[in-house]
N, C-alpha and C. Protein backbone atom coordinates (compact mmCIF):
# COMPACT_ATOMS: atom_id res chain seq x y z
N MET A 1 -6.97 75.86 118.60
CA MET A 1 -5.86 75.45 117.88
C MET A 1 -3.65 75.87 118.02
N SER A 2 -4.43 76.46 119.24
CA SER A 2 -3.01 76.79 119.22
C SER A 2 -1.43 75.60 120.30
N GLY A 3 -3.33 74.75 120.99
CA GLY A 3 -2.27 72.63 121.12
C GLY A 3 -1.44 72.82 119.87
N THR A 4 -1.83 72.81 118.70
CA THR A 4 -1.75 72.00 117.70
C THR A 4 -0.89 72.75 116.82
N ASP A 5 -0.13 73.83 117.15
CA ASP A 5 0.52 75.03 116.98
C ASP A 5 2.01 74.89 117.74
N GLN A 6 1.06 74.17 119.01
CA GLN A 6 2.38 73.50 119.62
C GLN A 6 2.95 72.75 119.50
N HIS A 7 2.54 71.80 119.27
CA HIS A 7 3.16 70.55 118.81
C HIS A 7 4.00 70.42 117.40
N LEU A 8 3.49 71.15 116.00
CA LEU A 8 4.15 71.73 115.31
C LEU A 8 5.57 72.06 115.34
N THR A 9 5.46 73.06 116.25
CA THR A 9 6.66 73.70 116.94
C THR A 9 7.49 72.45 117.44
N VAL A 10 7.22 72.24 118.29
CA VAL A 10 7.97 71.23 118.99
C VAL A 10 8.13 69.48 117.89
N TRP A 11 7.81 69.25 117.08
CA TRP A 11 8.35 68.53 116.35
C TRP A 11 9.02 68.61 115.01
N SER A 12 9.04 70.01 114.47
CA SER A 12 9.39 70.27 113.55
C SER A 12 11.11 70.77 113.56
N PRO A 13 11.65 70.56 113.13
CA PRO A 13 13.01 70.99 113.22
C PRO A 13 13.82 72.06 113.72
N ALA A 14 14.40 72.73 114.39
CA ALA A 14 14.50 74.14 114.80
C ALA A 14 16.51 73.70 113.53
N PRO A 15 16.35 74.88 113.08
CA PRO A 15 17.18 75.82 111.97
C PRO A 15 18.82 75.06 112.81
N SER A 16 18.42 75.09 114.78
CA SER A 16 20.75 75.14 114.68
C SER A 16 19.99 73.35 116.51
N SER A 17 19.64 72.89 115.68
CA SER A 17 19.14 71.70 115.81
C SER A 17 20.43 70.40 115.23
N PRO A 18 20.73 70.19 116.33
CA PRO A 18 22.42 68.87 116.49
C PRO A 18 21.70 67.80 115.50
N SER A 19 21.72 68.36 114.51
CA SER A 19 20.60 66.71 113.99
C SER A 19 22.76 65.87 112.89
N GLU A 20 23.49 67.06 112.81
CA GLU A 20 24.37 66.20 112.18
C GLU A 20 25.97 65.52 113.58
N GLU A 21 25.23 66.03 114.61
CA GLU A 21 25.86 65.77 115.90
C GLU A 21 25.12 64.30 115.81
N GLU A 22 24.84 64.43 116.07
CA GLU A 22 23.17 62.99 116.08
C GLU A 22 23.28 61.92 115.25
N LEU A 23 23.22 62.53 113.96
CA LEU A 23 23.79 61.41 112.50
C LEU A 23 24.42 60.81 113.60
N ARG A 24 26.29 61.39 113.51
CA ARG A 24 27.41 61.06 113.30
C ARG A 24 27.08 60.08 115.13
N ILE A 25 26.92 60.33 115.67
CA ILE A 25 26.63 59.71 117.00
C ILE A 25 26.11 58.24 117.35
N LEU A 26 24.63 58.47 116.86
CA LEU A 26 24.50 57.18 116.10
C LEU A 26 25.05 56.73 115.33
N SER A 27 25.67 57.27 113.82
CA SER A 27 26.60 56.09 113.56
C SER A 27 27.57 55.09 113.84
N SER A 28 28.82 56.09 114.44
CA SER A 28 29.51 55.62 115.27
C SER A 28 28.78 54.36 116.43
N TRP A 29 27.96 54.70 116.90
CA TRP A 29 27.61 54.04 118.20
C TRP A 29 26.38 52.75 117.59
N THR A 30 26.49 52.13 116.12
CA THR A 30 26.28 51.87 115.51
C THR A 30 27.57 50.76 114.74
N GLN A 31 28.38 51.36 114.46
CA GLN A 31 29.18 50.93 113.79
C GLN A 31 30.10 50.41 115.18
N GLU A 32 30.16 50.79 116.31
CA GLU A 32 31.10 49.81 117.77
C GLU A 32 29.83 48.53 117.24
N SER A 33 28.64 48.93 117.79
CA SER A 33 28.03 47.56 118.39
C SER A 33 27.95 46.38 117.01
N GLY A 34 28.23 47.28 116.02
CA GLY A 34 28.17 46.03 114.64
C GLY A 34 29.22 45.27 115.00
N ILE A 35 30.52 46.36 115.07
CA ILE A 35 32.17 45.44 115.67
C ILE A 35 31.60 44.74 116.48
N ALA A 36 31.04 45.14 117.47
CA ALA A 36 31.53 44.23 119.03
C ALA A 36 30.45 42.60 118.71
N GLU A 37 29.52 42.35 118.11
CA GLU A 37 28.36 41.05 117.21
C GLU A 37 29.31 40.21 116.64
N ASN A 38 30.25 40.70 115.50
CA ASN A 38 31.12 40.82 114.67
C ASN A 38 31.49 39.88 115.55
N ALA A 39 32.86 40.25 116.26
CA ALA A 39 33.21 40.01 117.20
C ALA A 39 33.24 38.56 118.02
N THR A 40 31.83 39.04 118.53
CA THR A 40 31.54 38.13 119.07
C THR A 40 31.19 36.88 118.77
N ALA A 41 30.60 36.63 117.53
CA ALA A 41 30.01 36.20 116.52
C ALA A 41 31.22 35.33 116.55
N ARG A 42 32.59 36.17 115.94
CA ARG A 42 33.43 34.84 114.97
C ARG A 42 34.35 34.03 116.34
N ARG A 43 34.13 34.94 117.95
CA ARG A 43 34.89 34.14 118.89
C ARG A 43 33.20 32.30 118.70
N SER A 44 32.57 32.96 119.37
CA SER A 44 31.91 31.42 118.72
C SER A 44 31.45 31.01 117.81
């Protein structure tokens, strides 16, 4: 049971988890990738 509890603790998001910051970085990275792909497609 303790092993399962540890897994739950590991997978459950902590109150101080930088979820907003991660989403911000992920969204900005996705936007940059999309812009790069669009620019490459337009050049081709």
